[in-house]
N, C-alpha and C. Protein backbone atom coordinates (compact mmCIF):
# COMPACT_ATOMS: atom_id res chain seq x y z
N MET A 1 -2.69 -58.46 186.04
CA MET A 1 -2.81 -59.84 186.40
C MET A 1 -4.14 -60.34 185.85
N LEU A 2 -4.08 -61.51 185.28
CA LEU A 2 -5.28 -62.17 184.79
C LEU A 2 -5.48 -63.46 185.55
N LEU A 3 -6.72 -63.82 185.81
CA LEU A 3 -7.04 -65.06 186.51
C LEU A 3 -7.60 -66.06 185.51
N PHE A 4 -7.13 -67.29 185.60
CA PHE A 4 -7.56 -68.37 184.72
C PHE A 4 -7.91 -69.58 185.55
N ARG A 5 -8.73 -70.47 185.01
CA ARG A 5 -9.14 -71.64 185.76
C ARG A 5 -8.16 -72.80 185.64
N SER A 6 -7.27 -72.76 184.64
CA SER A 6 -6.29 -73.83 184.46
C SER A 6 -5.15 -73.36 183.56
N GLU A 7 -4.05 -74.11 183.57
CA GLU A 7 -2.94 -73.76 182.68
C GLU A 7 -3.33 -73.95 181.22
N GLN A 8 -4.22 -74.89 180.95
CA GLN A 8 -4.71 -75.06 179.58
C GLN A 8 -5.47 -73.82 179.12
N HIS A 9 -6.22 -73.23 180.03
CA HIS A 9 -6.95 -72.01 179.72
C HIS A 9 -5.96 -70.88 179.41
N VAL A 10 -4.87 -70.81 180.18
CA VAL A 10 -3.82 -69.82 179.92
C VAL A 10 -3.28 -70.01 178.51
N ASP A 11 -2.95 -71.26 178.16
CA ASP A 11 -2.40 -71.55 176.83
C ASP A 11 -3.36 -71.15 175.72
N ARG A 12 -4.64 -71.45 175.89
CA ARG A 12 -5.63 -71.07 174.86
C ARG A 12 -5.73 -69.55 174.73
N TRP A 13 -5.74 -68.85 175.86
CA TRP A 13 -5.81 -67.39 175.84
C TRP A 13 -4.60 -66.80 175.13
N CYS A 14 -3.42 -67.29 175.47
CA CYS A 14 -2.19 -66.79 174.84
C CYS A 14 -2.22 -67.01 173.33
N GLU A 15 -2.69 -68.18 172.92
CA GLU A 15 -2.77 -68.47 171.49
C GLU A 15 -3.79 -67.56 170.81
N GLN A 16 -4.94 -67.40 171.43
CA GLN A 16 -6.01 -66.58 170.85
C GLN A 16 -5.57 -65.13 170.68
N TRP A 17 -4.84 -64.58 171.66
CA TRP A 17 -4.46 -63.18 171.63
C TRP A 17 -3.02 -62.96 171.18
N ASN A 18 -2.38 -64.04 170.74
CA ASN A 18 -1.00 -63.96 170.24
C ASN A 18 -0.08 -63.28 171.25
N ARG A 19 -0.13 -63.77 172.46
CA ARG A 19 0.68 -63.24 173.56
C ARG A 19 1.60 -64.33 174.09
N PRO A 20 2.81 -63.94 174.51
CA PRO A 20 3.68 -64.95 175.12
C PRO A 20 3.16 -65.35 176.49
N ARG A 21 3.45 -66.57 176.86
CA ARG A 21 3.04 -67.04 178.19
C ARG A 21 4.01 -66.46 179.21
N GLY A 22 3.51 -65.81 180.20
CA GLY A 22 4.33 -65.21 181.23
C GLY A 22 4.43 -66.11 182.45
N GLY A 23 4.63 -65.51 183.59
CA GLY A 23 4.70 -66.27 184.82
C GLY A 23 3.32 -66.68 185.28
N ILE A 24 3.24 -67.86 185.84
CA ILE A 24 1.96 -68.37 186.34
C ILE A 24 2.13 -68.71 187.80
N LEU A 25 1.16 -68.28 188.61
CA LEU A 25 1.15 -68.65 190.01
C LEU A 25 -0.27 -68.97 190.41
N ASP A 26 -0.40 -69.87 191.37
CA ASP A 26 -1.74 -70.21 191.84
C ASP A 26 -2.17 -69.20 192.91
N LEU A 27 -3.39 -69.31 193.38
CA LEU A 27 -3.90 -68.34 194.34
C LEU A 27 -3.11 -68.34 195.65
N GLN A 28 -2.71 -69.52 196.09
CA GLN A 28 -1.92 -69.59 197.33
C GLN A 28 -0.59 -68.87 197.14
N GLN A 29 0.07 -69.07 196.01
CA GLN A 29 1.32 -68.36 195.75
C GLN A 29 1.08 -66.86 195.63
N GLY A 30 -0.03 -66.47 195.03
CA GLY A 30 -0.37 -65.06 194.92
C GLY A 30 -0.53 -64.42 196.29
N TRP A 31 -1.20 -65.13 197.19
CA TRP A 31 -1.37 -64.62 198.55
C TRP A 31 -0.02 -64.51 199.26
N ARG A 32 0.80 -65.55 199.12
CA ARG A 32 2.12 -65.53 199.75
C ARG A 32 2.98 -64.40 199.19
N LEU A 33 2.88 -64.17 197.88
CA LEU A 33 3.63 -63.07 197.26
C LEU A 33 3.16 -61.73 197.82
N ALA A 34 1.86 -61.55 197.95
CA ALA A 34 1.33 -60.29 198.50
C ALA A 34 1.83 -60.08 199.92
N MET A 35 1.82 -61.12 200.74
CA MET A 35 2.28 -61.00 202.12
C MET A 35 3.78 -60.72 202.16
N GLU A 36 4.53 -61.41 201.31
CA GLU A 36 5.98 -61.22 201.27
C GLU A 36 6.32 -59.81 200.80
N TRP A 37 5.59 -59.33 199.81
CA TRP A 37 5.91 -58.05 199.18
C TRP A 37 5.42 -56.85 199.99
N TYR A 38 4.21 -56.98 200.54
CA TYR A 38 3.58 -55.83 201.19
C TYR A 38 3.37 -56.01 202.69
N GLY A 39 3.75 -57.13 203.26
CA GLY A 39 3.47 -57.42 204.66
C GLY A 39 4.01 -56.39 205.64
N ASP A 40 5.15 -55.79 205.31
CA ASP A 40 5.76 -54.81 206.20
C ASP A 40 5.72 -53.39 205.62
N ARG A 41 4.90 -53.17 204.66
CA ARG A 41 4.87 -51.90 203.92
C ARG A 41 4.59 -50.69 204.81
N LEU A 42 3.83 -50.86 205.86
CA LEU A 42 3.49 -49.73 206.73
C LEU A 42 4.50 -49.50 207.84
N SER A 43 5.50 -50.34 207.91
CA SER A 43 6.54 -50.17 208.93
C SER A 43 7.39 -48.94 208.61
N PRO A 44 7.73 -48.15 209.61
CA PRO A 44 8.61 -47.00 209.36
C PRO A 44 9.98 -47.41 208.82
N ALA A 45 10.39 -48.64 209.08
CA ALA A 45 11.70 -49.12 208.61
C ALA A 45 11.62 -49.76 207.22
N TRP A 46 10.46 -49.73 206.58
CA TRP A 46 10.29 -50.38 205.28
C TRP A 46 11.28 -49.85 204.24
N GLN A 47 11.81 -50.75 203.47
CA GLN A 47 12.68 -50.42 202.35
C GLN A 47 12.23 -51.24 201.15
N PRO A 48 12.28 -50.66 199.94
CA PRO A 48 11.95 -51.45 198.76
C PRO A 48 12.92 -52.62 198.63
N LYS A 49 12.44 -53.70 198.05
CA LYS A 49 13.30 -54.86 197.83
C LYS A 49 14.24 -54.59 196.66
N ASN A 50 15.49 -54.97 196.82
CA ASN A 50 16.40 -54.89 195.70
C ASN A 50 16.22 -56.15 194.85
N PRO A 51 16.78 -56.21 193.66
CA PRO A 51 16.55 -57.37 192.80
C PRO A 51 16.91 -58.72 193.43
N SER A 52 17.99 -58.79 194.18
CA SER A 52 18.35 -60.08 194.78
C SER A 52 17.36 -60.47 195.89
N GLU A 53 16.88 -59.50 196.64
CA GLU A 53 15.86 -59.77 197.67
C GLU A 53 14.55 -60.22 197.01
N ALA A 54 14.20 -59.59 195.90
CA ALA A 54 12.98 -59.97 195.19
C ALA A 54 13.10 -61.40 194.67
N GLU A 55 14.23 -61.74 194.06
CA GLU A 55 14.43 -63.11 193.56
C GLU A 55 14.37 -64.12 194.70
N ALA A 56 14.96 -63.77 195.85
CA ALA A 56 14.91 -64.68 197.01
C ALA A 56 13.46 -64.88 197.47
N ALA A 57 12.68 -63.80 197.47
CA ALA A 57 11.27 -63.90 197.85
C ALA A 57 10.52 -64.80 196.87
N PHE A 58 10.75 -64.60 195.58
CA PHE A 58 10.10 -65.45 194.58
C PHE A 58 10.45 -66.91 194.81
N GLY A 59 11.73 -67.18 195.10
CA GLY A 59 12.16 -68.55 195.34
C GLY A 59 11.49 -69.18 196.54
N ARG A 60 11.35 -68.42 197.63
CA ARG A 60 10.67 -68.94 198.82
C ARG A 60 9.23 -69.33 198.53
N ILE A 61 8.62 -68.63 197.60
CA ILE A 61 7.22 -68.88 197.25
C ILE A 61 7.11 -70.01 196.23
N GLY A 62 8.23 -70.35 195.61
CA GLY A 62 8.21 -71.42 194.60
C GLY A 62 8.07 -70.90 193.19
N LEU A 63 8.31 -69.60 193.00
CA LEU A 63 8.21 -69.00 191.67
C LEU A 63 9.60 -69.05 191.03
N LYS A 64 9.76 -69.97 190.11
CA LYS A 64 11.06 -70.21 189.50
C LYS A 64 10.96 -70.08 187.99
N GLY A 65 12.08 -69.91 187.35
CA GLY A 65 12.12 -69.81 185.90
C GLY A 65 12.53 -68.42 185.46
N GLU A 66 12.73 -68.29 184.16
CA GLU A 66 13.22 -67.04 183.58
C GLU A 66 12.32 -65.84 183.88
N PHE A 67 11.03 -66.04 183.88
CA PHE A 67 10.09 -64.93 184.11
C PHE A 67 10.35 -64.25 185.45
N TRP A 68 10.74 -65.02 186.46
CA TRP A 68 10.87 -64.50 187.81
C TRP A 68 12.27 -64.00 188.13
N LYS A 69 13.16 -64.01 187.16
CA LYS A 69 14.52 -63.51 187.39
C LYS A 69 14.54 -61.99 187.23
N MET A 70 15.16 -61.33 188.17
CA MET A 70 15.23 -59.87 188.15
C MET A 70 16.48 -59.36 187.46
N SER A 71 17.51 -60.19 187.39
CA SER A 71 18.76 -59.75 186.76
C SER A 71 18.62 -59.78 185.25
N VAL A 72 19.36 -58.91 184.60
CA VAL A 72 19.29 -58.80 183.14
C VAL A 72 20.34 -59.65 182.50
């Protein structure tokens, strides 16, 4: 994960390093993703998320688009 100050900064970095632009999330979405993904990790009943559960979690956080799709 890389942190940037703006989407324009992301675009400049991608151009400079000849890298495709991936998924972008703000700090609030990053925190929500961490809580969604790891919030129950220490529970004895914890189970890894399957692809459809992961996509649903991404959607609840507002992470949409091809980058966030788990299906092939």
